[in-house]
């Protein structure tokens, strides 16, 4: 998983063993302090294999 923009401060590339984008966001929200707050304050786009979801 790659994070861009203001989410990069949490790590540019992250490895997660998940099945969906929702699982990835939930995992990061539980494990990375401040990630959930940042997600709630901004507007983000999820892309998988170069395609918008």
N, C-alpha and C. Protein backbone atom coordinates (compact mmCIF):
# COMPACT_ATOMS: atom_id res chain seq x y z
N UNK A 1 0.85 -1.15 0.00
CA UNK A 1 0.00 0.00 0.00
C UNK A 1 0.90 1.22 0.00
N UNK A 2 0.57 2.20 -0.83
CA UNK A 2 1.33 3.45 -0.91
C UNK A 2 0.45 4.60 -0.46
N UNK A 3 0.99 5.45 0.37
CA UNK A 3 0.28 6.64 0.82
C UNK A 3 0.90 7.86 0.16
N UNK A 4 0.07 8.80 -0.23
CA UNK A 4 0.53 10.01 -0.90
C UNK A 4 -0.01 11.24 -0.17
N UNK A 5 0.50 12.39 -0.55
CA UNK A 5 0.02 13.65 0.03
C UNK A 5 0.29 13.73 1.51
N UNK A 6 -0.68 14.28 2.25
CA UNK A 6 -0.47 14.46 3.69
C UNK A 6 -0.49 13.16 4.47
N UNK A 7 -0.90 12.06 3.85
CA UNK A 7 -0.86 10.76 4.54
C UNK A 7 0.53 10.14 4.54
N UNK A 8 1.44 10.69 3.73
CA UNK A 8 2.80 10.15 3.66
C UNK A 8 3.53 10.22 4.99
N UNK A 9 3.11 11.11 5.86
CA UNK A 9 3.80 11.21 7.15
C UNK A 9 3.63 9.95 7.99
N UNK A 10 2.67 9.09 7.61
CA UNK A 10 2.47 7.82 8.31
C UNK A 10 3.27 6.69 7.67
N UNK A 11 3.94 6.99 6.59
CA UNK A 11 4.74 6.00 5.87
C UNK A 11 4.38 6.03 4.40
N UNK A 12 5.38 5.98 3.57
CA UNK A 12 5.12 6.05 2.13
C UNK A 12 4.66 4.70 1.57
N UNK A 13 5.32 3.63 1.97
CA UNK A 13 4.94 2.28 1.54
C UNK A 13 4.74 1.41 2.78
N UNK A 14 3.61 0.73 2.80
CA UNK A 14 3.27 -0.13 3.93
C UNK A 14 2.87 -1.50 3.41
N UNK A 15 3.23 -2.54 4.12
CA UNK A 15 2.83 -3.90 3.75
C UNK A 15 1.77 -4.39 4.72
N UNK A 16 0.63 -4.75 4.18
CA UNK A 16 -0.47 -5.26 5.00
C UNK A 16 -1.02 -6.52 4.33
N UNK A 17 -1.42 -7.48 5.13
CA UNK A 17 -2.06 -8.68 4.62
C UNK A 17 -3.56 -8.54 4.85
N UNK A 18 -4.24 -7.94 3.86
CA UNK A 18 -5.68 -7.68 3.94
C UNK A 18 -6.32 -8.06 2.61
N UNK A 19 -7.64 -8.19 2.61
CA UNK A 19 -8.36 -8.55 1.39
C UNK A 19 -9.04 -7.37 0.71
N UNK A 20 -9.29 -6.29 1.45
CA UNK A 20 -10.00 -5.15 0.88
C UNK A 20 -9.35 -3.84 1.33
N UNK A 21 -9.68 -2.78 0.62
CA UNK A 21 -9.20 -1.45 1.01
C UNK A 21 -9.76 -1.06 2.37
N UNK A 22 -11.00 -1.44 2.64
CA UNK A 22 -11.61 -1.14 3.94
C UNK A 22 -10.84 -1.80 5.07
N UNK A 23 -10.41 -3.03 4.87
CA UNK A 23 -9.60 -3.72 5.89
C UNK A 23 -8.27 -2.99 6.11
N UNK A 24 -7.67 -2.51 5.04
CA UNK A 24 -6.40 -1.80 5.15
C UNK A 24 -6.56 -0.52 5.97
N UNK A 25 -7.61 0.23 5.69
CA UNK A 25 -7.85 1.48 6.43
C UNK A 25 -8.15 1.18 7.89
N UNK A 26 -8.93 0.15 8.14
CA UNK A 26 -9.23 -0.21 9.53
C UNK A 26 -7.95 -0.63 10.27
N UNK A 27 -7.12 -1.44 9.63
CA UNK A 27 -5.88 -1.89 10.26
C UNK A 27 -4.98 -0.70 10.59
N UNK A 28 -4.83 0.21 9.66
CA UNK A 28 -3.99 1.38 9.92
C UNK A 28 -4.59 2.27 11.00
N UNK A 29 -5.91 2.39 11.01
CA UNK A 29 -6.58 3.20 12.03
C UNK A 29 -6.34 2.65 13.43
N UNK A 30 -6.24 1.33 13.55
CA UNK A 30 -6.02 0.71 14.85
C UNK A 30 -4.56 0.71 15.26
N UNK A 31 -3.65 0.69 14.30
CA UNK A 31 -2.23 0.51 14.62
C UNK A 31 -1.39 1.79 14.56
N UNK A 32 -1.83 2.78 13.82
CA UNK A 32 -1.02 3.99 13.61
C UNK A 32 -1.68 5.18 14.30
N UNK A 33 -1.04 5.71 15.34
CA UNK A 33 -1.61 6.86 16.05
C UNK A 33 -1.83 8.05 15.11
N UNK A 34 -3.03 8.62 15.15
CA UNK A 34 -3.37 9.80 14.36
C UNK A 34 -3.89 9.51 12.97
N UNK A 35 -3.77 8.27 12.49
CA UNK A 35 -4.19 7.96 11.12
C UNK A 35 -5.70 8.15 10.95
N UNK A 36 -6.46 7.64 11.87
CA UNK A 36 -7.93 7.75 11.77
C UNK A 36 -8.38 9.21 11.78
N UNK A 37 -7.78 10.00 12.65
CA UNK A 37 -8.13 11.42 12.74
C UNK A 37 -7.84 12.11 11.41
N UNK A 38 -6.69 11.82 10.84
CA UNK A 38 -6.33 12.44 9.56
C UNK A 38 -7.28 12.00 8.45
N UNK A 39 -7.66 10.74 8.44
CA UNK A 39 -8.61 10.25 7.43
C UNK A 39 -9.96 10.96 7.57
N UNK A 40 -10.39 11.20 8.80
CA UNK A 40 -11.67 11.85 9.03
C UNK A 40 -11.65 13.33 8.65
N UNK A 41 -10.49 13.96 8.71
CA UNK A 41 -10.40 15.39 8.44
C UNK A 41 -10.20 15.71 6.96
N UNK A 42 -9.80 14.75 6.17
CA UNK A 42 -9.49 15.04 4.77
C UNK A 42 -10.41 14.34 3.79
N UNK A 43 -10.08 14.49 2.51
CA UNK A 43 -10.79 13.81 1.44
C UNK A 43 -9.75 13.00 0.68
N UNK A 44 -9.99 11.71 0.53
CA UNK A 44 -8.99 10.83 -0.07
C UNK A 44 -9.61 9.96 -1.14
N UNK A 45 -8.78 9.53 -2.05
CA UNK A 45 -9.19 8.67 -3.15
C UNK A 45 -8.41 7.36 -3.04
N UNK A 46 -9.10 6.25 -3.22
CA UNK A 46 -8.46 4.94 -3.16
C UNK A 46 -8.31 4.42 -4.58
N UNK A 47 -7.08 4.01 -4.90
CA UNK A 47 -6.80 3.43 -6.22
C UNK A 47 -6.20 2.05 -6.02
N UNK A 48 -6.67 1.11 -6.80
CA UNK A 48 -6.15 -0.26 -6.76
C UNK A 48 -5.69 -0.61 -8.16
N UNK A 49 -4.42 -0.96 -8.28
CA UNK A 49 -3.81 -1.30 -9.57
C UNK A 49 -4.03 -0.20 -10.60
N UNK A 50 -3.97 1.06 -10.15
CA UNK A 50 -4.09 2.20 -11.05
C UNK A 50 -5.51 2.62 -11.38
N UNK A 51 -6.49 1.95 -10.79
CA UNK A 51 -7.89 2.28 -11.06
C UNK A 51 -8.56 2.84 -9.81
N UNK A 52 -9.40 3.87 -10.01
CA UNK A 52 -10.17 4.42 -8.89
C UNK A 52 -11.21 3.41 -8.45
N UNK A 53 -11.43 3.36 -7.13
CA UNK A 53 -12.45 2.44 -6.62
C UNK A 53 -13.68 3.19 -6.21
